[in-house]
């Protein structure tokens, strides 16, 4: 079970029966607003309240890597484009939908919806 604390800490709980073990996986120093696993569960996207997207690879156990950082508008949500885990799509509060190459954070395409977006 992966979850985040308000302080921007990604935690992992390994639960077995009535026993559990907690591990701190990463500390990105920004509140995490959403977590999303890739379809093959090898990469975890972390979206922050400030509009930054990080990737974390549980099998490698290293730190989270900053992938995307917005300047003009905060990311509201991000998710993987399937099949595979090479690309993700994001949407900003201002209504800009973007497709990203996850290997290096290159923006491949964008579409402005011309409307403010919110999550319900």
PDB file of N, CA and C in Angstrom:
ATOM      1  N   UNK A   1       0.849  -1.164   0.000  1.00  0.00           N
ATOM      2  CA  UNK A   1       0.000   0.000   0.000  1.00  0.00           C
ATOM      3  C   UNK A   1       0.899   1.232   0.000  1.00  0.00           C
ATOM      4  N   UNK A   2       0.761   2.066  -1.037  1.00  0.00           N
ATOM      5  CA  UNK A   2       1.494   3.335  -1.116  1.00  0.00           C
ATOM      6  C   UNK A   2       0.538   4.472  -0.794  1.00  0.00           C
ATOM      7  N   UNK A   3       0.988   5.440  -0.032  1.00  0.00           N
ATOM      8  CA  UNK A   3       0.210   6.641   0.197  1.00  0.00           C
ATOM      9  C   UNK A   3       1.148   7.772   0.554  1.00  0.00           C
ATOM     10  N   UNK A   4       0.604   8.991   0.562  1.00  0.00           N
ATOM     11  CA  UNK A   4       1.453  10.145   0.845  1.00  0.00           C
ATOM     12  C   UNK A   4       0.941  10.892   2.062  1.00  0.00           C
ATOM     13  N   UNK A   5       1.888  11.457   2.779  1.00  0.00           N
ATOM     14  CA  UNK A   5       1.579  12.326   3.903  1.00  0.00           C
ATOM     15  C   UNK A   5       1.508  13.757   3.387  1.00  0.00           C
ATOM     16  N   UNK A   6       0.856  14.629   4.124  1.00  0.00           N
ATOM     17  CA  UNK A   6       0.687  16.016   3.684  1.00  0.00           C
ATOM     18  C   UNK A   6       2.007  16.724   3.443  1.00  0.00           C
ATOM     19  N   UNK A   7       3.040  16.318   4.117  1.00  0.00           N
ATOM     20  CA  UNK A   7       4.333  16.994   3.996  1.00  0.00           C
ATOM     21  C   UNK A   7       5.073  16.630   2.713  1.00  0.00           C
ATOM     22  N   UNK A   8       4.512  15.747   1.873  1.00  0.00           N
ATOM     23  CA  UNK A   8       5.172  15.363   0.640  1.00  0.00           C
ATOM     24  C   UNK A   8       6.010  14.105   0.762  1.00  0.00           C
ATOM     25  N   UNK A   9       5.698  13.285   1.754  1.00  0.00           N
ATOM     26  CA  UNK A   9       6.435  12.052   1.968  1.00  0.00           C
ATOM     27  C   UNK A   9       5.635  10.885   1.375  1.00  0.00           C
ATOM     28  N   UNK A  10       6.289  10.108   0.519  1.00  0.00           N
ATOM     29  CA  UNK A  10       5.677   8.908  -0.047  1.00  0.00           C
ATOM     30  C   UNK A  10       6.007   7.744   0.877  1.00  0.00           C
ATOM     31  N   UNK A  11       4.966   7.071   1.358  1.00  0.00           N
ATOM     32  CA  UNK A  11       5.129   5.962   2.301  1.00  0.00           C
ATOM     33  C   UNK A  11       4.645   4.662   1.688  1.00  0.00           C
ATOM     34  N   UNK A  12       5.261   3.561   2.111  1.00  0.00           N
ATOM     35  CA  UNK A  12       4.846   2.224   1.693  1.00  0.00           C
ATOM     36  C   UNK A  12       4.554   1.410   2.945  1.00  0.00           C
ATOM     37  N   UNK A  13       3.378   0.810   2.978  1.00  0.00           N
ATOM     38  CA  UNK A  13       3.013  -0.104   4.054  1.00  0.00           C
ATOM     39  C   UNK A  13       2.926  -1.501   3.473  1.00  0.00           C
ATOM     40  N   UNK A  14       3.750  -2.402   4.012  1.00  0.00           N
ATOM     41  CA  UNK A  14       3.667  -3.818   3.647  1.00  0.00           C
ATOM     42  C   UNK A  14       2.836  -4.488   4.743  1.00  0.00           C
ATOM     43  N   UNK A  15       1.647  -4.963   4.363  1.00  0.00           N
ATOM     44  CA  UNK A  15       0.721  -5.559   5.320  1.00  0.00           C
ATOM     45  C   UNK A  15       0.661  -7.056   5.078  1.00  0.00           C
ATOM     46  N   UNK A  16       0.872  -7.825   6.151  1.00  0.00           N
ATOM     47  CA  UNK A  16       0.784  -9.282   6.070  1.00  0.00           C
ATOM     48  C   UNK A  16       0.077  -9.766   7.333  1.00  0.00           C
ATOM     49  N   UNK A  17      -1.179 -10.201   7.126  1.00  0.00           N
ATOM     50  CA  UNK A  17      -1.982 -10.617   8.276  1.00  0.00           C
ATOM     51  C   UNK A  17      -2.233  -9.433   9.186  1.00  0.00           C
ATOM     52  N   UNK A  18      -1.894  -9.591  10.462  1.00  0.00           N
ATOM     53  CA  UNK A  18      -2.060  -8.506  11.425  1.00  0.00           C
ATOM     54  C   UNK A  18      -0.783  -7.700  11.628  1.00  0.00           C
ATOM     55  N   UNK A  19       0.260  -8.043  10.890  1.00  0.00           N
ATOM     56  CA  UNK A  19       1.539  -7.350  10.987  1.00  0.00           C
ATOM     57  C   UNK A  19       1.702  -6.384   9.822  1.00  0.00           C
ATOM     58  N   UNK A  20       2.411  -5.304  10.065  1.00  0.00           N
ATOM     59  CA  UNK A  20       2.725  -4.376   8.982  1.00  0.00           C
ATOM     60  C   UNK A  20       4.103  -3.764   9.205  1.00  0.00           C
ATOM     61  N   UNK A  21       4.671  -3.324   8.119  1.00  0.00           N
ATOM     62  CA  UNK A  21       5.958  -2.649   8.149  1.00  0.00           C
ATOM     63  C   UNK A  21       5.838  -1.386   7.313  1.00  0.00           C
ATOM     64  N   UNK A  22       6.286  -0.248   7.853  1.00  0.00           N
ATOM     65  CA  UNK A  22       6.219   1.021   7.135  1.00  0.00           C
ATOM     66  C   UNK A  22       7.612   1.423   6.670  1.00  0.00           C
ATOM     67  N   UNK A  23       7.671   1.942   5.427  1.00  0.00           N
ATOM     68  CA  UNK A  23       8.936   2.409   4.863  1.00  0.00           C
ATOM     69  C   UNK A  23       8.714   3.764   4.219  1.00  0.00           C
ATOM     70  N   UNK A  24       9.603   4.718   4.477  1.00  0.00           N
ATOM     71  CA  UNK A  24       9.581   6.005   3.787  1.00  0.00           C
ATOM     72  C   UNK A  24      10.314   5.814   2.470  1.00  0.00           C
ATOM     73  N   UNK A  25       9.609   6.058   1.358  1.00  0.00           N
ATOM     74  CA  UNK A  25      10.182   5.841   0.027  1.00  0.00           C
ATOM     75  C   UNK A  25      10.830   7.090  -0.550  1.00  0.00           C
ATOM     76  N   UNK A  26      10.166   8.230  -0.378  1.00  0.00           N
ATOM     77  CA  UNK A  26      10.678   9.470  -0.961  1.00  0.00           C
ATOM     78  C   UNK A  26      10.095  10.655  -0.206  1.00  0.00           C
ATOM     79  N   UNK A  27      10.843  11.734  -0.195  1.00  0.00           N
ATOM     80  CA  UNK A  27      10.385  12.988   0.403  1.00  0.00           C
ATOM     81  C   UNK A  27      10.601  14.078  -0.631  1.00  0.00           C
ATOM     82  N   UNK A  28       9.489  14.566  -1.220  1.00  0.00           N
ATOM     83  CA  UNK A  28       9.617  15.565  -2.285  1.00  0.00           C
ATOM     84  C   UNK A  28       9.354  16.986  -1.794  1.00  0.00           C
ATOM     85  N   UNK A  29       9.085  17.142  -0.517  1.00  0.00           N
ATOM     86  CA  UNK A  29       8.964  18.456   0.129  1.00  0.00           C
ATOM     87  C   UNK A  29       7.810  19.306  -0.399  1.00  0.00           C
ATOM     88  N   UNK A  30       6.853  18.696  -1.086  1.00  0.00           N
ATOM     89  CA  UNK A  30       5.653  19.386  -1.568  1.00  0.00           C
ATOM     90  C   UNK A  30       4.468  18.470  -1.319  1.00  0.00           C
ATOM     91  N   UNK A  31       3.333  18.999  -0.881  1.00  0.00           N
ATOM     92  CA  UNK A  31       2.155  18.143  -0.687  1.00  0.00           C
ATOM     93  C   UNK A  31       1.781  17.412  -1.980  1.00  0.00           C
ATOM     94  N   UNK A  32       1.555  16.116  -1.877  1.00  0.00           N
ATOM     95  CA  UNK A  32       1.205  15.285  -3.032  1.00  0.00           C
ATOM     96  C   UNK A  32      -0.313  15.241  -3.146  1.00  0.00           C
ATOM     97  N   UNK A  33      -0.829  15.614  -4.321  1.00  0.00           N
ATOM     98  CA  UNK A  33      -2.282  15.634  -4.503  1.00  0.00           C
ATOM     99  C   UNK A  33      -2.821  14.343  -5.098  1.00  0.00           C
ATOM    100  N   UNK A  34      -1.999  13.610  -5.869  1.00  0.00           N
ATOM    101  CA  UNK A  34      -2.474  12.333  -6.398  1.00  0.00           C
ATOM    102  C   UNK A  34      -1.317  11.396  -6.718  1.00  0.00           C
ATOM    103  N   UNK A  35      -1.613  10.101  -6.663  1.00  0.00           N
ATOM    104  CA  UNK A  35      -0.674   9.034  -6.999  1.00  0.00           C
ATOM    105  C   UNK A  35      -1.333   8.170  -8.061  1.00  0.00           C
ATOM    106  N   UNK A  36      -0.570   7.748  -9.056  1.00  0.00           N
ATOM    107  CA  UNK A  36      -1.133   6.904 -10.112  1.00  0.00           C
ATOM    108  C   UNK A  36      -0.073   5.919 -10.584  1.00  0.00           C
ATOM    109  N   UNK A  37      -0.389   4.614 -10.532  1.00  0.00           N
ATOM    110  CA  UNK A  37       0.526   3.593 -11.029  1.00  0.00           C
ATOM    111  C   UNK A  37       0.391   3.429 -12.532  1.00  0.00           C
ATOM    112  N   UNK A  38       1.511   3.078 -13.171  1.00  0.00           N
ATOM    113  CA  UNK A  38       1.494   2.715 -14.591  1.00  0.00           C
ATOM    114  C   UNK A  38       0.742   1.392 -14.726  1.00  0.00           C
ATOM    115  N   UNK A  39       0.251   1.080 -15.929  1.00  0.00           N
ATOM    116  CA  UNK A  39      -0.505  -0.159 -16.123  1.00  0.00           C
ATOM    117  C   UNK A  39       0.253  -1.424 -15.700  1.00  0.00           C
ATOM    118  N   UNK A  40       1.583  -1.410 -15.810  1.00  0.00           N
ATOM    119  CA  UNK A  40       2.350  -2.594 -15.411  1.00  0.00           C
ATOM    120  C   UNK A  40       2.910  -2.477 -13.985  1.00  0.00           C
ATOM    121  N   UNK A  41       2.509  -1.449 -13.263  1.00  0.00           N
ATOM    122  CA  UNK A  41       2.881  -1.225 -11.865  1.00  0.00           C
ATOM    123  C   UNK A  41       4.383  -1.066 -11.639  1.00  0.00           C
ATOM    124  N   UNK A  42       5.101  -0.574 -12.636  1.00  0.00           N
ATOM    125  CA  UNK A  42       6.541  -0.371 -12.463  1.00  0.00           C
ATOM    126  C   UNK A  42       6.903   1.078 -12.146  1.00  0.00           C
ATOM    127  N   UNK A  43       6.001   2.013 -12.450  1.00  0.00           N
ATOM    128  CA  UNK A  43       6.265   3.438 -12.226  1.00  0.00           C
ATOM    129  C   UNK A  43       5.058   4.057 -11.530  1.00  0.00           C
ATOM    130  N   UNK A  44       5.334   4.916 -10.584  1.00  0.00           N
ATOM    131  CA  UNK A  44       4.292   5.640  -9.869  1.00  0.00           C
ATOM    132  C   UNK A  44       4.439   7.124 -10.182  1.00  0.00           C
ATOM    133  N   UNK A  45       3.361   7.765 -10.663  1.00  0.00           N
ATOM    134  CA  UNK A  45       3.361   9.213 -10.884  1.00  0.00           C
ATOM    135  C   UNK A  45       2.910   9.894  -9.601  1.00  0.00           C
ATOM    136  N   UNK A  46       3.618  10.923  -9.198  1.00  0.00           N
ATOM    137  CA  UNK A  46       3.256  11.726  -8.035  1.00  0.00           C
ATOM    138  C   UNK A  46       2.985  13.136  -8.527  1.00  0.00           C
ATOM    139  N   UNK A  47       1.779  13.636  -8.328  1.00  0.00           N
ATOM    140  CA  UNK A  47       1.410  14.989  -8.737  1.00  0.00           C
ATOM    141  C   UNK A  47       1.286  15.829  -7.476  1.00  0.00           C
ATOM    142  N   UNK A  48       1.954  16.987  -7.457  1.00  0.00           N
ATOM    143  CA  UNK A  48       1.935  17.827  -6.265  1.00  0.00           C
ATOM    144  C   UNK A  48       0.933  18.964  -6.395  1.00  0.00           C
ATOM    145  N   UNK A  49       0.621  19.568  -5.259  1.00  0.00           N
ATOM    146  CA  UNK A  49      -0.273  20.731  -5.232  1.00  0.00           C
ATOM    147  C   UNK A  49       0.320  21.919  -5.977  1.00  0.00           C
ATOM    148  N   UNK A  50       1.654  21.992  -6.071  1.00  0.00           N
ATOM    149  CA  UNK A  50       2.313  23.113  -6.733  1.00  0.00           C
ATOM    150  C   UNK A  50       2.437  22.915  -8.241  1.00  0.00           C
ATOM    151  N   UNK A  51       2.005  21.770  -8.751  1.00  0.00           N
ATOM    152  CA  UNK A  51       2.034  21.559 -10.191  1.00  0.00           C
ATOM    153  C   UNK A  51       3.266  20.860 -10.705  1.00  0.00           C
ATOM    154  N   UNK A  52       3.901  20.068  -9.882  1.00  0.00           N
ATOM    155  CA  UNK A  52       5.077  19.320 -10.296  1.00  0.00           C
ATOM    156  C   UNK A  52       4.707  17.843 -10.377  1.00  0.00           C
ATOM    157  N   UNK A  53       5.248  17.137 -11.369  1.00  0.00           N
ATOM    158  CA  UNK A  53       5.014  15.706 -11.503  1.00  0.00           C
ATOM    159  C   UNK A  53       6.352  14.988 -11.324  1.00  0.00           C
ATOM    160  N   UNK A  54       6.352  13.992 -10.453  1.00  0.00           N
ATOM    161  CA  UNK A  54       7.523  13.168 -10.186  1.00  0.00           C
ATOM    162  C   UNK A  54       7.223  11.732 -10.600  1.00  0.00           C
ATOM    163  N   UNK A  55       8.272  10.984 -10.911  1.00  0.00           N
ATOM    164  CA  UNK A  55       8.127   9.543 -11.118  1.00  0.00           C
ATOM    165  C   UNK A  55       8.901   8.837 -10.012  1.00  0.00           C
ATOM    166  N   UNK A  56       8.368   7.707  -9.593  1.00  0.00           N
ATOM    167  CA  UNK A  56       9.028   6.879  -8.584  1.00  0.00           C
ATOM    168  C   UNK A  56       8.934   5.437  -9.046  1.00  0.00           C
ATOM    169  N   UNK A  57      10.063   4.735  -9.053  1.00  0.00           N
ATOM    170  CA  UNK A  57      10.104   3.331  -9.476  1.00  0.00           C
ATOM    171  C   UNK A  57      10.316   2.464  -8.238  1.00  0.00           C
ATOM    172  N   UNK A  58       9.235   1.840  -7.752  1.00  0.00           N
ATOM    173  CA  UNK A  58       9.317   1.048  -6.514  1.00  0.00           C
ATOM    174  C   UNK A  58      10.385  -0.041  -6.548  1.00  0.00           C
ATOM    175  N   UNK A  59      10.582  -0.702  -7.664  1.00  0.00           N
ATOM    176  CA  UNK A  59      11.559  -1.788  -7.739  1.00  0.00           C
ATOM    177  C   UNK A  59      12.991  -1.286  -7.551  1.00  0.00           C
ATOM    178  N   UNK A  60      13.243  -0.021  -7.899  1.00  0.00           N
ATOM    179  CA  UNK A  60      14.587   0.530  -7.779  1.00  0.00           C
ATOM    180  C   UNK A  60      14.848   1.138  -6.407  1.00  0.00           C
ATOM    181  N   UNK A  61      13.790   1.490  -5.698  1.00  0.00           N
ATOM    182  CA  UNK A  61      13.919   1.984  -4.336  1.00  0.00           C
ATOM    183  C   UNK A  61      14.659   3.298  -4.177  1.00  0.00           C
ATOM    184  N   UNK A  62      14.886   4.020  -5.248  1.00  0.00           N
ATOM    185  CA  UNK A  62      15.591   5.301  -5.155  1.00  0.00           C
ATOM    186  C   UNK A  62      14.643   6.442  -4.854  1.00  0.00           C
ATOM    187  N   UNK A  63      15.136   7.637  -5.030  1.00  0.00           N
ATOM    188  CA  UNK A  63      14.324   8.827  -4.817  1.00  0.00           C
ATOM    189  C   UNK A  63      13.366   9.058  -5.978  1.00  0.00           C
ATOM    190  N   UNK A  64      12.357   9.855  -5.726  1.00  0.00           N
ATOM    191  CA  UNK A  64      11.454  10.289  -6.786  1.00  0.00           C
ATOM    192  C   UNK A  64      12.211  11.268  -7.687  1.00  0.00           C
ATOM    193  N   UNK A  65      11.942  11.183  -8.988  1.00  0.00           N
ATOM    194  CA  UNK A  65      12.629  12.025  -9.964  1.00  0.00           C
ATOM    195  C   UNK A  65      11.642  13.053 -10.517  1.00  0.00           C
ATOM    196  N   UNK A  66      12.035  14.339 -10.461  1.00  0.00           N
ATOM    197  CA  UNK A  66      11.180  15.390 -11.012  1.00  0.00           C
ATOM    198  C   UNK A  66      11.119  15.247 -12.519  1.00  0.00           C
ATOM    199  N   UNK A  67       9.894  15.134 -13.029  1.00  0.00           N
ATOM    200  CA  UNK A  67       9.706  14.954 -14.463  1.00  0.00           C
ATOM    201  C   UNK A  67       9.219  16.233 -15.118  1.00  0.00           C
ATOM    202  N   UNK A  68       8.183  16.820 -14.549  1.00  0.00           N
ATOM    203  CA  UNK A  68       7.557  18.000 -15.137  1.00  0.00           C
ATOM    204  C   UNK A  68       7.359  19.051 -14.065  1.00  0.00           C
ATOM    205  N   UNK A  69       7.508  20.307 -14.465  1.00  0.00           N
ATOM    206  CA  UNK A  69       7.286  21.412 -13.540  1.00  0.00           C
ATOM    207  C   UNK A  69       6.638  22.548 -14.318  1.00  0.00           C
ATOM    208  N   UNK A  70       5.417  22.903 -13.940  1.00  0.00           N
ATOM    209  CA  UNK A  70       4.724  23.955 -14.676  1.00  0.00           C
ATOM    210  C   UNK A  70       5.140  25.319 -14.175  1.00  0.00           C
ATOM    211  N   UNK A  71       5.061  26.261 -15.060  1.00  0.00           N
ATOM    212  CA  UNK A  71       5.364  27.646 -14.703  1.00  0.00           C
ATOM    213  C   UNK A  71       4.096  28.490 -14.724  1.00  0.00           C
ATOM    214  N   UNK A  72       3.259  28.283 -15.724  1.00  0.00           N
ATOM    215  CA  UNK A  72       2.107  29.156 -15.905  1.00  0.00           C
ATOM    216  C   UNK A  72       0.841  28.648 -15.222  1.00  0.00           C
ATOM    217  N   UNK A  73       0.695  27.355 -15.097  1.00  0.00           N
ATOM    218  CA  UNK A  73      -0.533  26.799 -14.548  1.00  0.00           C
ATOM    219  C   UNK A  73      -0.235  25.463 -13.899  1.00  0.00           C
ATOM    220  N   UNK A  74      -0.809  25.212 -12.742  1.00  0.00           N
ATOM    221  CA  UNK A  74      -0.541  23.970 -12.015  1.00  0.00           C
ATOM    222  C   UNK A  74      -1.250  22.786 -12.643  1.00  0.00           C
ATOM    223  N   UNK A  75      -0.575  21.636 -12.623  1.00  0.00           N
ATOM    224  CA  UNK A  75      -1.208  20.402 -13.050  1.00  0.00           C
ATOM    225  C   UNK A  75      -2.317  20.059 -12.070  1.00  0.00           C
ATOM    226  N   UNK A  76      -3.443  19.709 -12.593  1.00  0.00           N
ATOM    227  CA  UNK A  76      -4.560  19.281 -11.765  1.00  0.00           C
ATOM    228  C   UNK A  76      -4.539  17.775 -11.612  1.00  0.00           C
ATOM    229  N   UNK A  77      -4.189  17.086 -12.686  1.00  0.00           N
ATOM    230  CA  UNK A  77      -4.126  15.630 -12.659  1.00  0.00           C
ATOM    231  C   UNK A  77      -3.218  15.143 -13.772  1.00  0.00           C
ATOM    232  N   UNK A  78      -2.712  13.920 -13.600  1.00  0.00           N
ATOM    233  CA  UNK A  78      -1.901  13.269 -14.623  1.00  0.00           C
ATOM    234  C   UNK A  78      -2.177  11.778 -14.557  1.00  0.00           C
ATOM    235  N   UNK A  79      -2.045  11.119 -15.690  1.00  0.00           N
ATOM    236  CA  UNK A  79      -2.258   9.683 -15.750  1.00  0.00           C
ATOM    237  C   UNK A  79      -1.463   9.121 -16.922  1.00  0.00           C
ATOM    238  N   UNK A  80      -1.231   7.826 -16.901  1.00  0.00           N
ATOM    239  CA  UNK A  80      -0.515   7.157 -17.978  1.00  0.00           C
ATOM    240  C   UNK A  80      -1.426   6.964 -19.176  1.00  0.00           C
ATOM    241  N   UNK A  81      -0.855   7.062 -20.378  1.00  0.00           N
ATOM    242  CA  UNK A  81      -1.565   6.690 -21.597  1.00  0.00           C
ATOM    243  C   UNK A  81      -1.264   5.216 -21.848  1.00  0.00           C
ATOM    244  N   UNK A  82      -2.284   4.436 -21.989  1.00  0.00           N
ATOM    245  CA  UNK A  82      -2.092   3.002 -22.170  1.00  0.00           C
ATOM    246  C   UNK A  82      -2.296   2.612 -23.618  1.00  0.00           C
ATOM    247  N   UNK A  83      -1.732   1.534 -24.094  1.00  0.00           N
ATOM    248  CA  UNK A  83      -0.968   0.557 -23.316  1.00  0.00           C
ATOM    249  C   UNK A  83       0.452   1.055 -23.053  1.00  0.00           C
ATOM    250  N   UNK A  84       1.106   0.425 -22.103  1.00  0.00           N
ATOM    251  CA  UNK A  84       2.480   0.774 -21.780  1.00  0.00           C
ATOM    252  C   UNK A  84       2.590   1.880 -20.755  1.00  0.00           C
ATOM    253  N   UNK A  85       3.825   2.320 -20.534  1.00  0.00           N
ATOM    254  CA  UNK A  85       4.073   3.371 -19.561  1.00  0.00           C
ATOM    255  C   UNK A  85       5.133   4.362 -20.059  1.00  0.00           C
ATOM    256  N   UNK A  86       5.116   4.618 -21.364  1.00  0.00           N
ATOM    257  CA  UNK A  86       6.069   5.561 -21.950  1.00  0.00           C
ATOM    258  C   UNK A  86       5.543   6.990 -21.986  1.00  0.00           C
ATOM    259  N   UNK A  87       4.223   7.157 -21.928  1.00  0.00           N
ATOM    260  CA  UNK A  87       3.621   8.475 -22.088  1.00  0.00           C
ATOM    261  C   UNK A  87       2.616   8.734 -20.976  1.00  0.00           C
ATOM    262  N   UNK A  88       2.447  10.010 -20.651  1.00  0.00           N
ATOM    263  CA  UNK A  88       1.382  10.386 -19.721  1.00  0.00           C
ATOM    264  C   UNK A  88       0.649  11.595 -20.281  1.00  0.00           C
ATOM    265  N   UNK A  89      -0.540  11.788 -19.782  1.00  0.00           N
ATOM    266  CA  UNK A  89      -1.354  12.937 -20.155  1.00  0.00           C
ATOM    267  C   UNK A  89      -1.615  13.728 -18.880  1.00  0.00           C
ATOM    268  N   UNK A  90      -1.601  15.030 -19.007  1.00  0.00           N
ATOM    269  CA  UNK A  90      -1.872  15.884 -17.847  1.00  0.00           C
ATOM    270  C   UNK A  90      -2.878  16.952 -18.247  1.00  0.00           C
ATOM    271  N   UNK A  91      -3.513  17.511 -17.244  1.00  0.00           N
ATOM    272  CA  UNK A  91      -4.408  18.637 -17.468  1.00  0.00           C
ATOM    273  C   UNK A  91      -4.094  19.687 -16.411  1.00  0.00           C
ATOM    274  N   UNK A  92      -4.078  20.945 -16.836  1.00  0.00           N
ATOM    275  CA  UNK A  92      -3.804  22.046 -15.918  1.00  0.00           C
ATOM    276  C   UNK A  92      -5.116  22.698 -15.498  1.00  0.00           C
ATOM    277  N   UNK A  93      -5.046  23.483 -14.449  1.00  0.00           N
ATOM    278  CA  UNK A  93      -6.215  24.204 -13.955  1.00  0.00           C
ATOM    279  C   UNK A  93      -6.795  25.096 -15.053  1.00  0.00           C
ATOM    280  N   UNK A  94      -5.936  25.649 -15.908  1.00  0.00           N
ATOM    281  CA  UNK A  94      -6.393  26.550 -16.969  1.00  0.00           C
ATOM    282  C   UNK A  94      -7.007  25.812 -18.165  1.00  0.00           C
ATOM    283  N   UNK A  95      -6.990  24.465 -18.146  1.00  0.00           N
ATOM    284  CA  UNK A  95      -7.634  23.694 -19.202  1.00  0.00           C
ATOM    285  C   UNK A  95      -6.719  23.255 -20.327  1.00  0.00           C
ATOM    286  N   UNK A  96      -5.421  23.238 -20.097  1.00  0.00           N
ATOM    287  CA  UNK A  96      -4.490  22.772 -21.119  1.00  0.00           C
ATOM    288  C   UNK A  96      -4.211  21.284 -20.904  1.00  0.00           C
ATOM    289  N   UNK A  97      -4.501  20.471 -21.920  1.00  0.00           N
ATOM    290  CA  UNK A  97      -4.241  19.040 -21.888  1.00  0.00           C
ATOM    291  C   UNK A  97      -2.929  18.808 -22.631  1.00  0.00           C
ATOM    292  N   UNK A  98      -2.019  18.047 -21.998  1.00  0.00           N
ATOM    293  CA  UNK A  98      -0.699  17.841 -22.582  1.00  0.00           C
ATOM    294  C   UNK A  98      -0.340  16.357 -22.561  1.00  0.00           C
ATOM    295  N   UNK A  99       0.379  15.915 -23.586  1.00  0.00           N
ATOM    296  CA  UNK A  99       0.910  14.556 -23.647  1.00  0.00           C
ATOM    297  C   UNK A  99       2.420  14.660 -23.500  1.00  0.00           C
ATOM    298  N   UNK A 100       2.993  13.831 -22.602  1.00  0.00           N
ATOM    299  CA  UNK A 100       4.407  13.900 -22.265  1.00  0.00           C
ATOM    300  C   UNK A 100       5.085  12.561 -22.516  1.00  0.00           C
ATOM    301  N   UNK A 101       6.347  12.627 -22.944  1.00  0.00           N
ATOM    302  CA  UNK A 101       7.199  11.443 -23.036  1.00  0.00           C
ATOM    303  C   UNK A 101       7.882  11.302 -21.683  1.00  0.00           C
ATOM    304  N   UNK A 102       7.631  10.204 -20.976  1.00  0.00           N
ATOM    305  CA  UNK A 102       8.096  10.077 -19.603  1.00  0.00           C
ATOM    306  C   UNK A 102       9.601   9.903 -19.447  1.00  0.00           C
ATOM    307  N   UNK A 103      10.261   9.437 -20.472  1.00  0.00           N
ATOM    308  CA  UNK A 103      11.699   9.200 -20.352  1.00  0.00           C
ATOM    309  C   UNK A 103      12.481  10.482 -20.080  1.00  0.00           C
ATOM    310  N   UNK A 104      12.086  11.579 -20.738  1.00  0.00           N
ATOM    311  CA  UNK A 104      12.839  12.822 -20.556  1.00  0.00           C
ATOM    312  C   UNK A 104      11.962  14.055 -20.295  1.00  0.00           C
ATOM    313  N   UNK A 105      10.635  13.858 -20.163  1.00  0.00           N
ATOM    314  CA  UNK A 105       9.744  14.974 -19.863  1.00  0.00           C
ATOM    315  C   UNK A 105       9.423  15.866 -21.046  1.00  0.00           C
ATOM    316  N   UNK A 106       9.641  15.396 -22.254  1.00  0.00           N
ATOM    317  CA  UNK A 106       9.346  16.183 -23.449  1.00  0.00           C
ATOM    318  C   UNK A 106       7.841  16.280 -23.660  1.00  0.00           C
ATOM    319  N   UNK A 107       7.361  17.499 -23.891  1.00  0.00           N
ATOM    320  CA  UNK A 107       5.943  17.693 -24.217  1.00  0.00           C
ATOM    321  C   UNK A 107       5.766  17.383 -25.702  1.00  0.00           C
ATOM    322  N   UNK A 108       4.938  16.380 -26.003  1.00  0.00           N
ATOM    323  CA  UNK A 108       4.735  15.941 -27.383  1.00  0.00           C
ATOM    324  C   UNK A 108       3.553  16.623 -28.053  1.00  0.00           C
ATOM    325  N   UNK A 109       2.559  16.989 -27.265  1.00  0.00           N
ATOM    326  CA  UNK A 109       1.356  17.575 -27.835  1.00  0.00           C
ATOM    327  C   UNK A 109       0.597  18.307 -26.743  1.00  0.00           C
ATOM    328  N   UNK A 110      -0.151  19.324 -27.147  1.00  0.00           N
ATOM    329  CA  UNK A 110      -1.010  20.021 -26.180  1.00  0.00           C
ATOM    330  C   UNK A 110      -2.250  20.557 -26.869  1.00  0.00           C
ATOM    331  N   UNK A 111      -3.290  20.662 -26.078  1.00  0.00           N
ATOM    332  CA  UNK A 111      -4.583  21.142 -26.557  1.00  0.00           C
ATOM    333  C   UNK A 111      -5.169  22.020 -25.471  1.00  0.00           C
ATOM    334  N   UNK A 112      -5.560  23.226 -25.840  1.00  0.00           N
ATOM    335  CA  UNK A 112      -6.177  24.120 -24.869  1.00  0.00           C
ATOM    336  C   UNK A 112      -7.690  23.989 -24.981  1.00  0.00           C
ATOM    337  N   UNK A 113      -8.345  23.630 -23.880  1.00  0.00           N
ATOM    338  CA  UNK A 113      -9.793  23.454 -23.852  1.00  0.00           C
ATOM    339  C   UNK A 113     -10.549  24.782 -23.743  1.00  0.00           C
ATOM    340  N   UNK A 114      -9.822  25.862 -23.499  1.00  0.00           N
ATOM    341  CA  UNK A 114     -10.413  27.199 -23.334  1.00  0.00           C
ATOM    342  C   UNK A 114     -11.481  27.227 -22.253  1.00  0.00           C
ATOM    343  N   UNK A 115     -11.242  26.476 -21.177  1.00  0.00           N
ATOM    344  CA  UNK A 115     -12.161  26.473 -20.047  1.00  0.00           C
ATOM    345  C   UNK A 115     -11.370  26.073 -18.803  1.00  0.00           C
ATOM    346  N   UNK A 116     -11.715  26.656 -17.661  1.00  0.00           N
ATOM    347  CA  UNK A 116     -11.051  26.281 -16.417  1.00  0.00           C
ATOM    348  C   UNK A 116     -11.526  24.904 -15.998  1.00  0.00           C
ATOM    349  N   UNK A 117     -10.601  24.089 -15.498  1.00  0.00           N
ATOM    350  CA  UNK A 117     -10.876  22.693 -15.160  1.00  0.00           C
ATOM    351  C   UNK A 117     -10.838  22.516 -13.654  1.00  0.00           C
ATOM    352  N   UNK A 118     -11.692  21.627 -13.135  1.00  0.00           N
ATOM    353  CA  UNK A 118     -11.660  21.291 -11.711  1.00  0.00           C
ATOM    354  C   UNK A 118     -11.921  19.799 -11.544  1.00  0.00           C
ATOM    355  N   UNK A 119     -11.599  19.287 -10.392  1.00  0.00           N
ATOM    356  CA  UNK A 119     -11.813  17.881 -10.066  1.00  0.00           C
ATOM    357  C   UNK A 119     -12.944  17.798  -9.058  1.00  0.00           C
ATOM    358  N   UNK A 120     -13.865  16.858  -9.307  1.00  0.00           N
ATOM    359  CA  UNK A 120     -14.966  16.667  -8.339  1.00  0.00           C
ATOM    360  C   UNK A 120     -14.947  15.275  -7.796  1.00  0.00           C
TER     361      UNK A 120
END
